[in-house]
Structures are given as structure tokens and as C-alpha cells.
Amino acid sequence: EAGAKPSSATPPPATQDISNEALVKIDPDIQKYQDAVDKSKAAYEANSNDKTRAALADAHAAFGNYMVYDSPVTPRKGKYRRALVEYRRALELEPNNEKVKAEVAQIEMIYRDMGRPVPQDAL
């Protein structure tokens, strides 16, 4: 049909580019969250203790929250996949963080409700 967009115009979730570089082109504010993660990670690597671990977990959780609740990145462009990556990183540092666990469960439920596989990837 004339004027119809090909169905392959938007990549399926498995081929979404959720790298910082790709997402910053859509939403430049993502960079400040990545910068906060990088700063917290450097502090944690320089002096690994409960305080720096919690700060790094908080930075990942804040990035995930931004992706879910505030970023204009669409689900088709990787909004929830990137949030899952950040939330899972937070849980690696703080496995008992109930708020982050709830966010992960909510996103996983959305994928299941849509009949899609829950992404398991990491950057």
C-alpha cells in the first residue's frame, strides 16, 4: 500500500539499542543519570564500603526510576529494558531492597501480560 510504513521500521525488543549513547540521542537528560552512576561507581571502586555501595545502588535505582516514570524514551525504544538493567544492578548491590524488587516485578509483569519474554540482558 502506498504510504504504509514497513512493519520492520521499529526493531523488536530483542534488537533494541539500549546503550547510553543511543538513549541520550532520544533523551539528553539520561546523561546526568549515567554520570551519577559513573561517579558513584568510581567512589565505590576507590573505597568499597556500605556507604559507597548504598550510594551506587541508589544511583542505579534513580536511573531506573527516571527511565520508568520520567524519560520520554518509549517502550519500543527500550524504556523498560534499560530500567530493568539499572534496577538489577541496584539489586546486585542491595539484594534486599524491597522498593527496587517491586519495580522489577512490575516491569516483568508488564512483559508477561503483553505475552513477551522478560528481557534478561545487561549492558
N, C-alpha and C. Protein backbone atom coordinates (compact mmCIF):
# COMPACT_ATOMS: atom_id res chain seq x y z
N GLU A 1 0.83 -1.17 0.00
CA GLU A 1 0.00 0.00 0.00
C GLU A 1 0.88 1.24 0.00
N ALA A 2 0.52 2.23 -0.78
CA ALA A 2 1.31 3.45 -0.84
C ALA A 2 1.23 4.18 0.50
N GLY A 3 2.36 4.65 0.96
CA GLY A 3 2.43 5.41 2.20
C GLY A 3 2.46 4.57 3.46
N ALA A 4 2.27 3.28 3.34
CA ALA A 4 2.31 2.42 4.52
C ALA A 4 3.75 2.24 4.98
N LYS A 5 3.94 2.29 6.27
CA LYS A 5 5.28 2.09 6.81
C LYS A 5 5.56 0.61 6.88
N PRO A 6 6.79 0.20 6.56
CA PRO A 6 7.11 -1.22 6.69
C PRO A 6 7.05 -1.62 8.16
N SER A 7 6.59 -2.83 8.41
CA SER A 7 6.44 -3.29 9.78
C SER A 7 7.78 -3.43 10.51
N SER A 8 8.86 -3.47 9.76
CA SER A 8 10.17 -3.62 10.38
C SER A 8 10.80 -2.27 10.73
N ALA A 9 10.05 -1.18 10.65
CA ALA A 9 10.60 0.15 10.93
C ALA A 9 11.10 0.26 12.37
N THR A 10 10.41 -0.33 13.31
CA THR A 10 10.83 -0.31 14.70
C THR A 10 11.37 -1.68 15.05
N PRO A 11 12.60 -1.73 15.54
CA PRO A 11 13.16 -3.05 15.84
C PRO A 11 12.40 -3.73 16.96
N PRO A 12 12.28 -5.04 16.93
CA PRO A 12 11.66 -5.74 18.04
C PRO A 12 12.51 -5.57 19.29
N PRO A 13 11.92 -5.75 20.47
CA PRO A 13 12.66 -5.52 21.72
C PRO A 13 14.01 -6.21 21.79
N ALA A 14 14.15 -7.39 21.24
CA ALA A 14 15.42 -8.11 21.36
C ALA A 14 16.56 -7.40 20.64
N THR A 15 16.23 -6.52 19.69
CA THR A 15 17.30 -5.83 18.96
C THR A 15 17.37 -4.35 19.29
N GLN A 16 16.66 -3.90 20.32
CA GLN A 16 16.72 -2.50 20.73
C GLN A 16 18.14 -2.16 21.17
N ASP A 17 18.57 -0.96 20.82
CA ASP A 17 19.85 -0.46 21.31
C ASP A 17 19.56 0.36 22.56
N ILE A 18 19.85 -0.21 23.73
CA ILE A 18 19.57 0.50 24.97
C ILE A 18 20.86 1.05 25.59
N SER A 19 21.87 1.21 24.76
CA SER A 19 23.12 1.78 25.26
C SER A 19 22.89 3.24 25.64
N ASN A 20 23.73 3.73 26.51
CA ASN A 20 23.65 5.13 26.91
C ASN A 20 23.71 6.04 25.69
N GLU A 21 24.62 5.72 24.76
CA GLU A 21 24.80 6.56 23.58
C GLU A 21 23.52 6.65 22.76
N ALA A 22 22.84 5.54 22.57
CA ALA A 22 21.60 5.53 21.79
C ALA A 22 20.48 6.27 22.50
N LEU A 23 20.34 6.04 23.80
CA LEU A 23 19.22 6.64 24.52
C LEU A 23 19.41 8.13 24.75
N VAL A 24 20.64 8.59 24.90
CA VAL A 24 20.90 10.02 25.09
C VAL A 24 20.48 10.81 23.85
N LYS A 25 20.53 10.19 22.68
CA LYS A 25 20.08 10.86 21.46
C LYS A 25 18.58 11.13 21.53
N ILE A 26 17.84 10.28 22.20
CA ILE A 26 16.40 10.45 22.36
C ILE A 26 16.10 11.37 23.54
N ASP A 27 16.84 11.18 24.63
CA ASP A 27 16.60 11.91 25.88
C ASP A 27 17.94 12.33 26.49
N PRO A 28 18.39 13.56 26.20
CA PRO A 28 19.70 14.01 26.71
C PRO A 28 19.81 13.98 28.23
N ASP A 29 18.70 14.06 28.96
CA ASP A 29 18.75 14.05 30.43
C ASP A 29 19.27 12.73 30.99
N ILE A 30 19.23 11.68 30.19
CA ILE A 30 19.75 10.39 30.63
C ILE A 30 21.22 10.51 31.02
N GLN A 31 21.93 11.39 30.36
CA GLN A 31 23.37 11.52 30.63
C GLN A 31 23.65 11.86 32.09
N LYS A 32 22.82 12.70 32.70
CA LYS A 32 23.10 13.07 34.10
C LYS A 32 22.92 11.87 35.03
N TYR A 33 22.02 10.97 34.69
CA TYR A 33 21.86 9.75 35.50
C TYR A 33 23.04 8.81 35.29
N GLN A 34 23.51 8.71 34.05
CA GLN A 34 24.69 7.89 33.79
C GLN A 34 25.91 8.48 34.49
N ASP A 35 26.02 9.81 34.47
CA ASP A 35 27.13 10.47 35.16
C ASP A 35 27.09 10.19 36.66
N ALA A 36 25.90 10.20 37.24
CA ALA A 36 25.77 9.92 38.68
C ALA A 36 26.18 8.48 38.98
N VAL A 37 25.79 7.55 38.10
CA VAL A 37 26.20 6.15 38.28
C VAL A 37 27.72 6.05 38.17
N ASP A 38 28.28 6.69 37.16
CA ASP A 38 29.74 6.62 36.96
C ASP A 38 30.49 7.20 38.16
N LYS A 39 30.01 8.32 38.69
CA LYS A 39 30.66 8.95 39.86
C LYS A 39 30.56 8.04 41.08
N SER A 40 29.38 7.48 41.30
CA SER A 40 29.20 6.58 42.44
C SER A 40 30.01 5.30 42.29
N LYS A 41 30.11 4.81 41.05
CA LYS A 41 30.89 3.60 40.81
C LYS A 41 32.36 3.85 41.08
N ALA A 42 32.87 5.01 40.66
CA ALA A 42 34.27 5.34 40.91
C ALA A 42 34.54 5.43 42.42
N ALA A 43 33.61 6.03 43.16
CA ALA A 43 33.77 6.14 44.61
C ALA A 43 33.74 4.76 45.26
N TYR A 44 32.85 3.89 44.78
CA TYR A 44 32.74 2.53 45.32
C TYR A 44 34.00 1.73 45.03
N GLU A 45 34.51 1.86 43.81
CA GLU A 45 35.73 1.13 43.45
C GLU A 45 36.94 1.64 44.21
N ALA A 46 36.97 2.94 44.53
CA ALA A 46 38.09 3.52 45.27
C ALA A 46 38.03 3.17 46.75
N ASN A 47 36.82 3.03 47.28
CA ASN A 47 36.65 2.78 48.71
C ASN A 47 35.38 1.98 48.92
N SER A 48 35.48 0.68 48.78
CA SER A 48 34.31 -0.19 48.88
C SER A 48 33.88 -0.34 50.33
N ASN A 49 32.73 0.23 50.67
CA ASN A 49 32.16 0.08 52.00
C ASN A 49 30.63 0.18 51.88
N ASP A 50 29.95 0.05 53.00
CA ASP A 50 28.48 0.07 52.98
C ASP A 50 27.94 1.37 52.41
N LYS A 51 28.57 2.48 52.76
CA LYS A 51 28.08 3.79 52.32
C LYS A 51 28.23 3.96 50.81
N THR A 52 29.40 3.60 50.27
CA THR A 52 29.59 3.78 48.82
C THR A 52 28.78 2.74 48.03
N ARG A 53 28.60 1.55 48.59
CA ARG A 53 27.77 0.54 47.92
C ARG A 53 26.32 1.03 47.87
N ALA A 54 25.81 1.57 48.97
CA ALA A 54 24.44 2.07 49.01
C ALA A 54 24.27 3.24 48.04
N ALA A 55 25.27 4.10 47.97
CA ALA A 55 25.19 5.25 47.05
C ALA A 55 25.14 4.78 45.60
N LEU A 56 25.92 3.76 45.26
CA LEU A 56 25.91 3.23 43.90
C LEU A 56 24.57 2.55 43.61
N ALA A 57 24.06 1.79 44.55
CA ALA A 57 22.75 1.16 44.37
C ALA A 57 21.68 2.23 44.17
N ASP A 58 21.74 3.29 44.96
CA ASP A 58 20.78 4.39 44.84
C ASP A 58 20.87 5.06 43.47
N ALA A 59 22.08 5.22 42.95
CA ALA A 59 22.25 5.84 41.64
C ALA A 59 21.63 4.97 40.55
N HIS A 60 21.84 3.67 40.63
CA HIS A 60 21.21 2.76 39.66
C HIS A 60 19.68 2.80 39.79
N ALA A 61 19.19 2.79 41.02
CA ALA A 61 17.73 2.83 41.23
C ALA A 61 17.14 4.14 40.71
N ALA A 62 17.83 5.26 40.95
CA ALA A 62 17.34 6.55 40.45
C ALA A 62 17.30 6.57 38.93
N PHE A 63 18.30 5.97 38.29
CA PHE A 63 18.33 5.86 36.83
C PHE A 63 17.12 5.03 36.36
N GLY A 64 16.89 3.90 37.01
CA GLY A 64 15.75 3.07 36.66
C GLY A 64 14.43 3.81 36.84
N ASN A 65 14.30 4.51 37.96
CA ASN A 65 13.08 5.28 38.21
C ASN A 65 12.87 6.35 37.14
N TYR A 66 13.94 7.03 36.77
CA TYR A 66 13.82 8.05 35.74
C TYR A 66 13.33 7.43 34.43
N MET A 67 13.92 6.29 34.07
CA MET A 67 13.51 5.64 32.82
C MET A 67 12.02 5.28 32.85
N VAL A 68 11.55 4.72 33.94
CA VAL A 68 10.17 4.28 34.03
C VAL A 68 9.19 5.45 34.10
N TYR A 69 9.49 6.42 34.96
CA TYR A 69 8.49 7.42 35.30
C TYR A 69 8.63 8.77 34.60
N ASP A 70 9.82 9.11 34.12
CA ASP A 70 10.02 10.46 33.60
C ASP A 70 10.60 10.56 32.20
N SER A 71 11.35 9.58 31.77
CA SER A 71 12.01 9.68 30.46
C SER A 71 11.01 9.60 29.32
N PRO A 72 11.20 10.44 28.29
CA PRO A 72 10.33 10.35 27.11
C PRO A 72 10.67 9.17 26.19
N VAL A 73 11.71 8.40 26.51
CA VAL A 73 12.02 7.21 25.72
C VAL A 73 10.80 6.30 25.76
N THR A 74 10.39 5.81 24.62
CA THR A 74 9.20 4.96 24.55
C THR A 74 9.54 3.51 24.88
N PRO A 75 8.53 2.73 25.25
CA PRO A 75 8.78 1.31 25.47
C PRO A 75 9.38 0.63 24.25
N ARG A 76 8.98 1.01 23.06
CA ARG A 76 9.52 0.40 21.84
C ARG A 76 10.99 0.73 21.65
N LYS A 77 11.43 1.82 22.24
CA LYS A 77 12.84 2.22 22.12
C LYS A 77 13.68 1.74 23.30
N GLY A 78 13.08 1.03 24.23
CA GLY A 78 13.87 0.41 25.29
C GLY A 78 13.71 0.97 26.69
N LYS A 79 12.69 1.78 26.91
CA LYS A 79 12.45 2.39 28.22
C LYS A 79 12.51 1.36 29.35
N TYR A 80 11.72 0.29 29.24
CA TYR A 80 11.63 -0.68 30.33
C TYR A 80 12.83 -1.62 30.36
N ARG A 81 13.38 -1.94 29.21
CA ARG A 81 14.59 -2.80 29.20
C ARG A 81 15.72 -2.12 29.93
N ARG A 82 15.93 -0.83 29.65
CA ARG A 82 17.03 -0.12 30.31
C ARG A 82 16.74 0.02 31.81
N ALA A 83 15.48 0.28 32.15
CA ALA A 83 15.14 0.37 33.57
C ALA A 83 15.45 -0.95 34.29
N LEU A 84 15.11 -2.08 33.65
CA LEU A 84 15.42 -3.38 34.26
C LEU A 84 16.92 -3.55 34.49
N VAL A 85 17.72 -3.14 33.52
CA VAL A 85 19.17 -3.24 33.68
C VAL A 85 19.62 -2.47 34.91
N GLU A 86 19.14 -1.24 35.05
CA GLU A 86 19.55 -0.40 36.18
C GLU A 86 19.03 -0.96 37.51
N TYR A 87 17.78 -1.39 37.53
CA TYR A 87 17.23 -1.97 38.77
C TYR A 87 17.98 -3.24 39.16
N ARG A 88 18.29 -4.07 38.19
CA ARG A 88 19.02 -5.31 38.51
C ARG A 88 20.41 -5.01 39.05
N ARG A 89 21.05 -3.98 38.53
CA ARG A 89 22.36 -3.59 39.07
C ARG A 89 22.22 -3.13 40.51
N ALA A 90 21.14 -2.38 40.80
CA ALA A 90 20.90 -1.94 42.18
C ALA A 90 20.72 -3.16 43.09
N LEU A 91 19.98 -4.16 42.60
CA LEU A 91 19.75 -5.36 43.42
C LEU A 91 21.01 -6.20 43.62
N GLU A 92 21.92 -6.15 42.67
CA GLU A 92 23.20 -6.86 42.87
C GLU A 92 23.93 -6.27 44.07
N LEU A 93 23.79 -4.98 44.28
CA LEU A 93 24.47 -4.29 45.37
C LEU A 93 23.67 -4.35 46.67
N GLU A 94 22.35 -4.30 46.54
CA GLU A 94 21.46 -4.34 47.71
C GLU A 94 20.33 -5.32 47.43
N PRO A 95 20.59 -6.62 47.59
CA PRO A 95 19.61 -7.65 47.23
C PRO A 95 18.30 -7.58 48.00
N ASN A 96 18.28 -6.92 49.14
CA ASN A 96 17.05 -6.86 49.95
C ASN A 96 16.28 -5.56 49.78
N ASN A 97 16.59 -4.79 48.76
CA ASN A 97 15.89 -3.51 48.53
C ASN A 97 14.48 -3.81 48.00
N GLU A 98 13.50 -3.72 48.88
CA GLU A 98 12.12 -4.10 48.54
C GLU A 98 11.51 -3.19 47.48
N LYS A 99 11.83 -1.91 47.51
CA LYS A 99 11.26 -1.00 46.51
C LYS A 99 11.76 -1.36 45.11
N VAL A 100 13.04 -1.64 44.99
CA VAL A 100 13.60 -2.00 43.68
C VAL A 100 13.05 -3.36 43.24
N LYS A 101 12.93 -4.30 44.18
CA LYS A 101 12.34 -5.60 43.84
C LYS A 101 10.93 -5.41 43.28
N ALA A 102 10.16 -4.50 43.88
CA ALA A 102 8.79 -4.25 43.42
C ALA A 102 8.78 -3.65 42.02
N GLU A 103 9.73 -2.77 41.74
CA GLU A 103 9.82 -2.16 40.40
C GLU A 103 10.14 -3.23 39.35
N VAL A 104 11.08 -4.12 39.67
CA VAL A 104 11.44 -5.20 38.76
C VAL A 104 10.22 -6.10 38.53
N ALA A 105 9.54 -6.46 39.59
CA ALA A 105 8.36 -7.33 39.46
C ALA A 105 7.29 -6.68 38.60
N GLN A 106 7.09 -5.38 38.76
CA GLN A 106 6.08 -4.67 37.97
C GLN A 106 6.43 -4.70 36.49
N ILE A 107 7.68 -4.42 36.15
CA ILE A 107 8.10 -4.42 34.75
C ILE A 107 8.00 -5.83 34.17
N GLU A 108 8.45 -6.83 34.93
CA GLU A 108 8.36 -8.21 34.45
C GLU A 108 6.92 -8.61 34.20
N MET A 109 6.00 -8.15 35.07
CA MET A 109 4.58 -8.46 34.90
C MET A 109 4.05 -7.81 33.61
N ILE A 110 4.47 -6.60 33.33
CA ILE A 110 4.03 -5.92 32.10
C ILE A 110 4.45 -6.74 30.88
N TYR A 111 5.70 -7.19 30.86
CA TYR A 111 6.16 -8.01 29.74
C TYR A 111 5.32 -9.28 29.62
N ARG A 112 5.11 -9.97 30.74
CA ARG A 112 4.33 -11.21 30.71
C ARG A 112 2.90 -10.96 30.25
N ASP A 113 2.30 -9.87 30.75
CA ASP A 113 0.92 -9.54 30.36
C ASP A 113 0.81 -9.26 28.86
N MET A 114 1.89 -8.76 28.26
CA MET A 114 1.88 -8.49 26.82
C MET A 114 2.27 -9.74 26.03
N GLY A 115 2.56 -10.84 26.74
CA GLY A 115 2.93 -12.07 26.06
C GLY A 115 4.34 -12.02 25.49
N ARG A 116 5.18 -11.19 26.08
CA ARG A 116 6.56 -11.05 25.60
C ARG A 116 7.53 -11.63 26.62
N PRO A 117 8.67 -12.12 26.13
CA PRO A 117 9.66 -12.62 27.08
C PRO A 117 10.25 -11.48 27.90
N VAL A 118 10.52 -11.75 29.15
CA VAL A 118 11.14 -10.75 30.01
C VAL A 118 12.62 -10.64 29.64
N PRO A 119 13.09 -9.44 29.29
CA PRO A 119 14.50 -9.30 28.91
C PRO A 119 15.42 -9.70 30.07
N GLN A 120 16.49 -10.40 29.73
CA GLN A 120 17.46 -10.84 30.73
C GLN A 120 18.83 -10.23 30.50
N ASP A 121 18.90 -9.29 29.55
CA ASP A 121 20.20 -8.77 29.15
C ASP A 121 20.74 -7.72 30.11
N ALA A 122 22.00 -7.47 29.94
CA ALA A 122 22.69 -6.41 30.68
C ALA A 122 23.60 -5.70 29.69
N LEU A 123 23.91 -4.48 30.02
CA LEU A 123 24.81 -3.72 29.13
C LEU A 123 26.24 -4.08 29.38
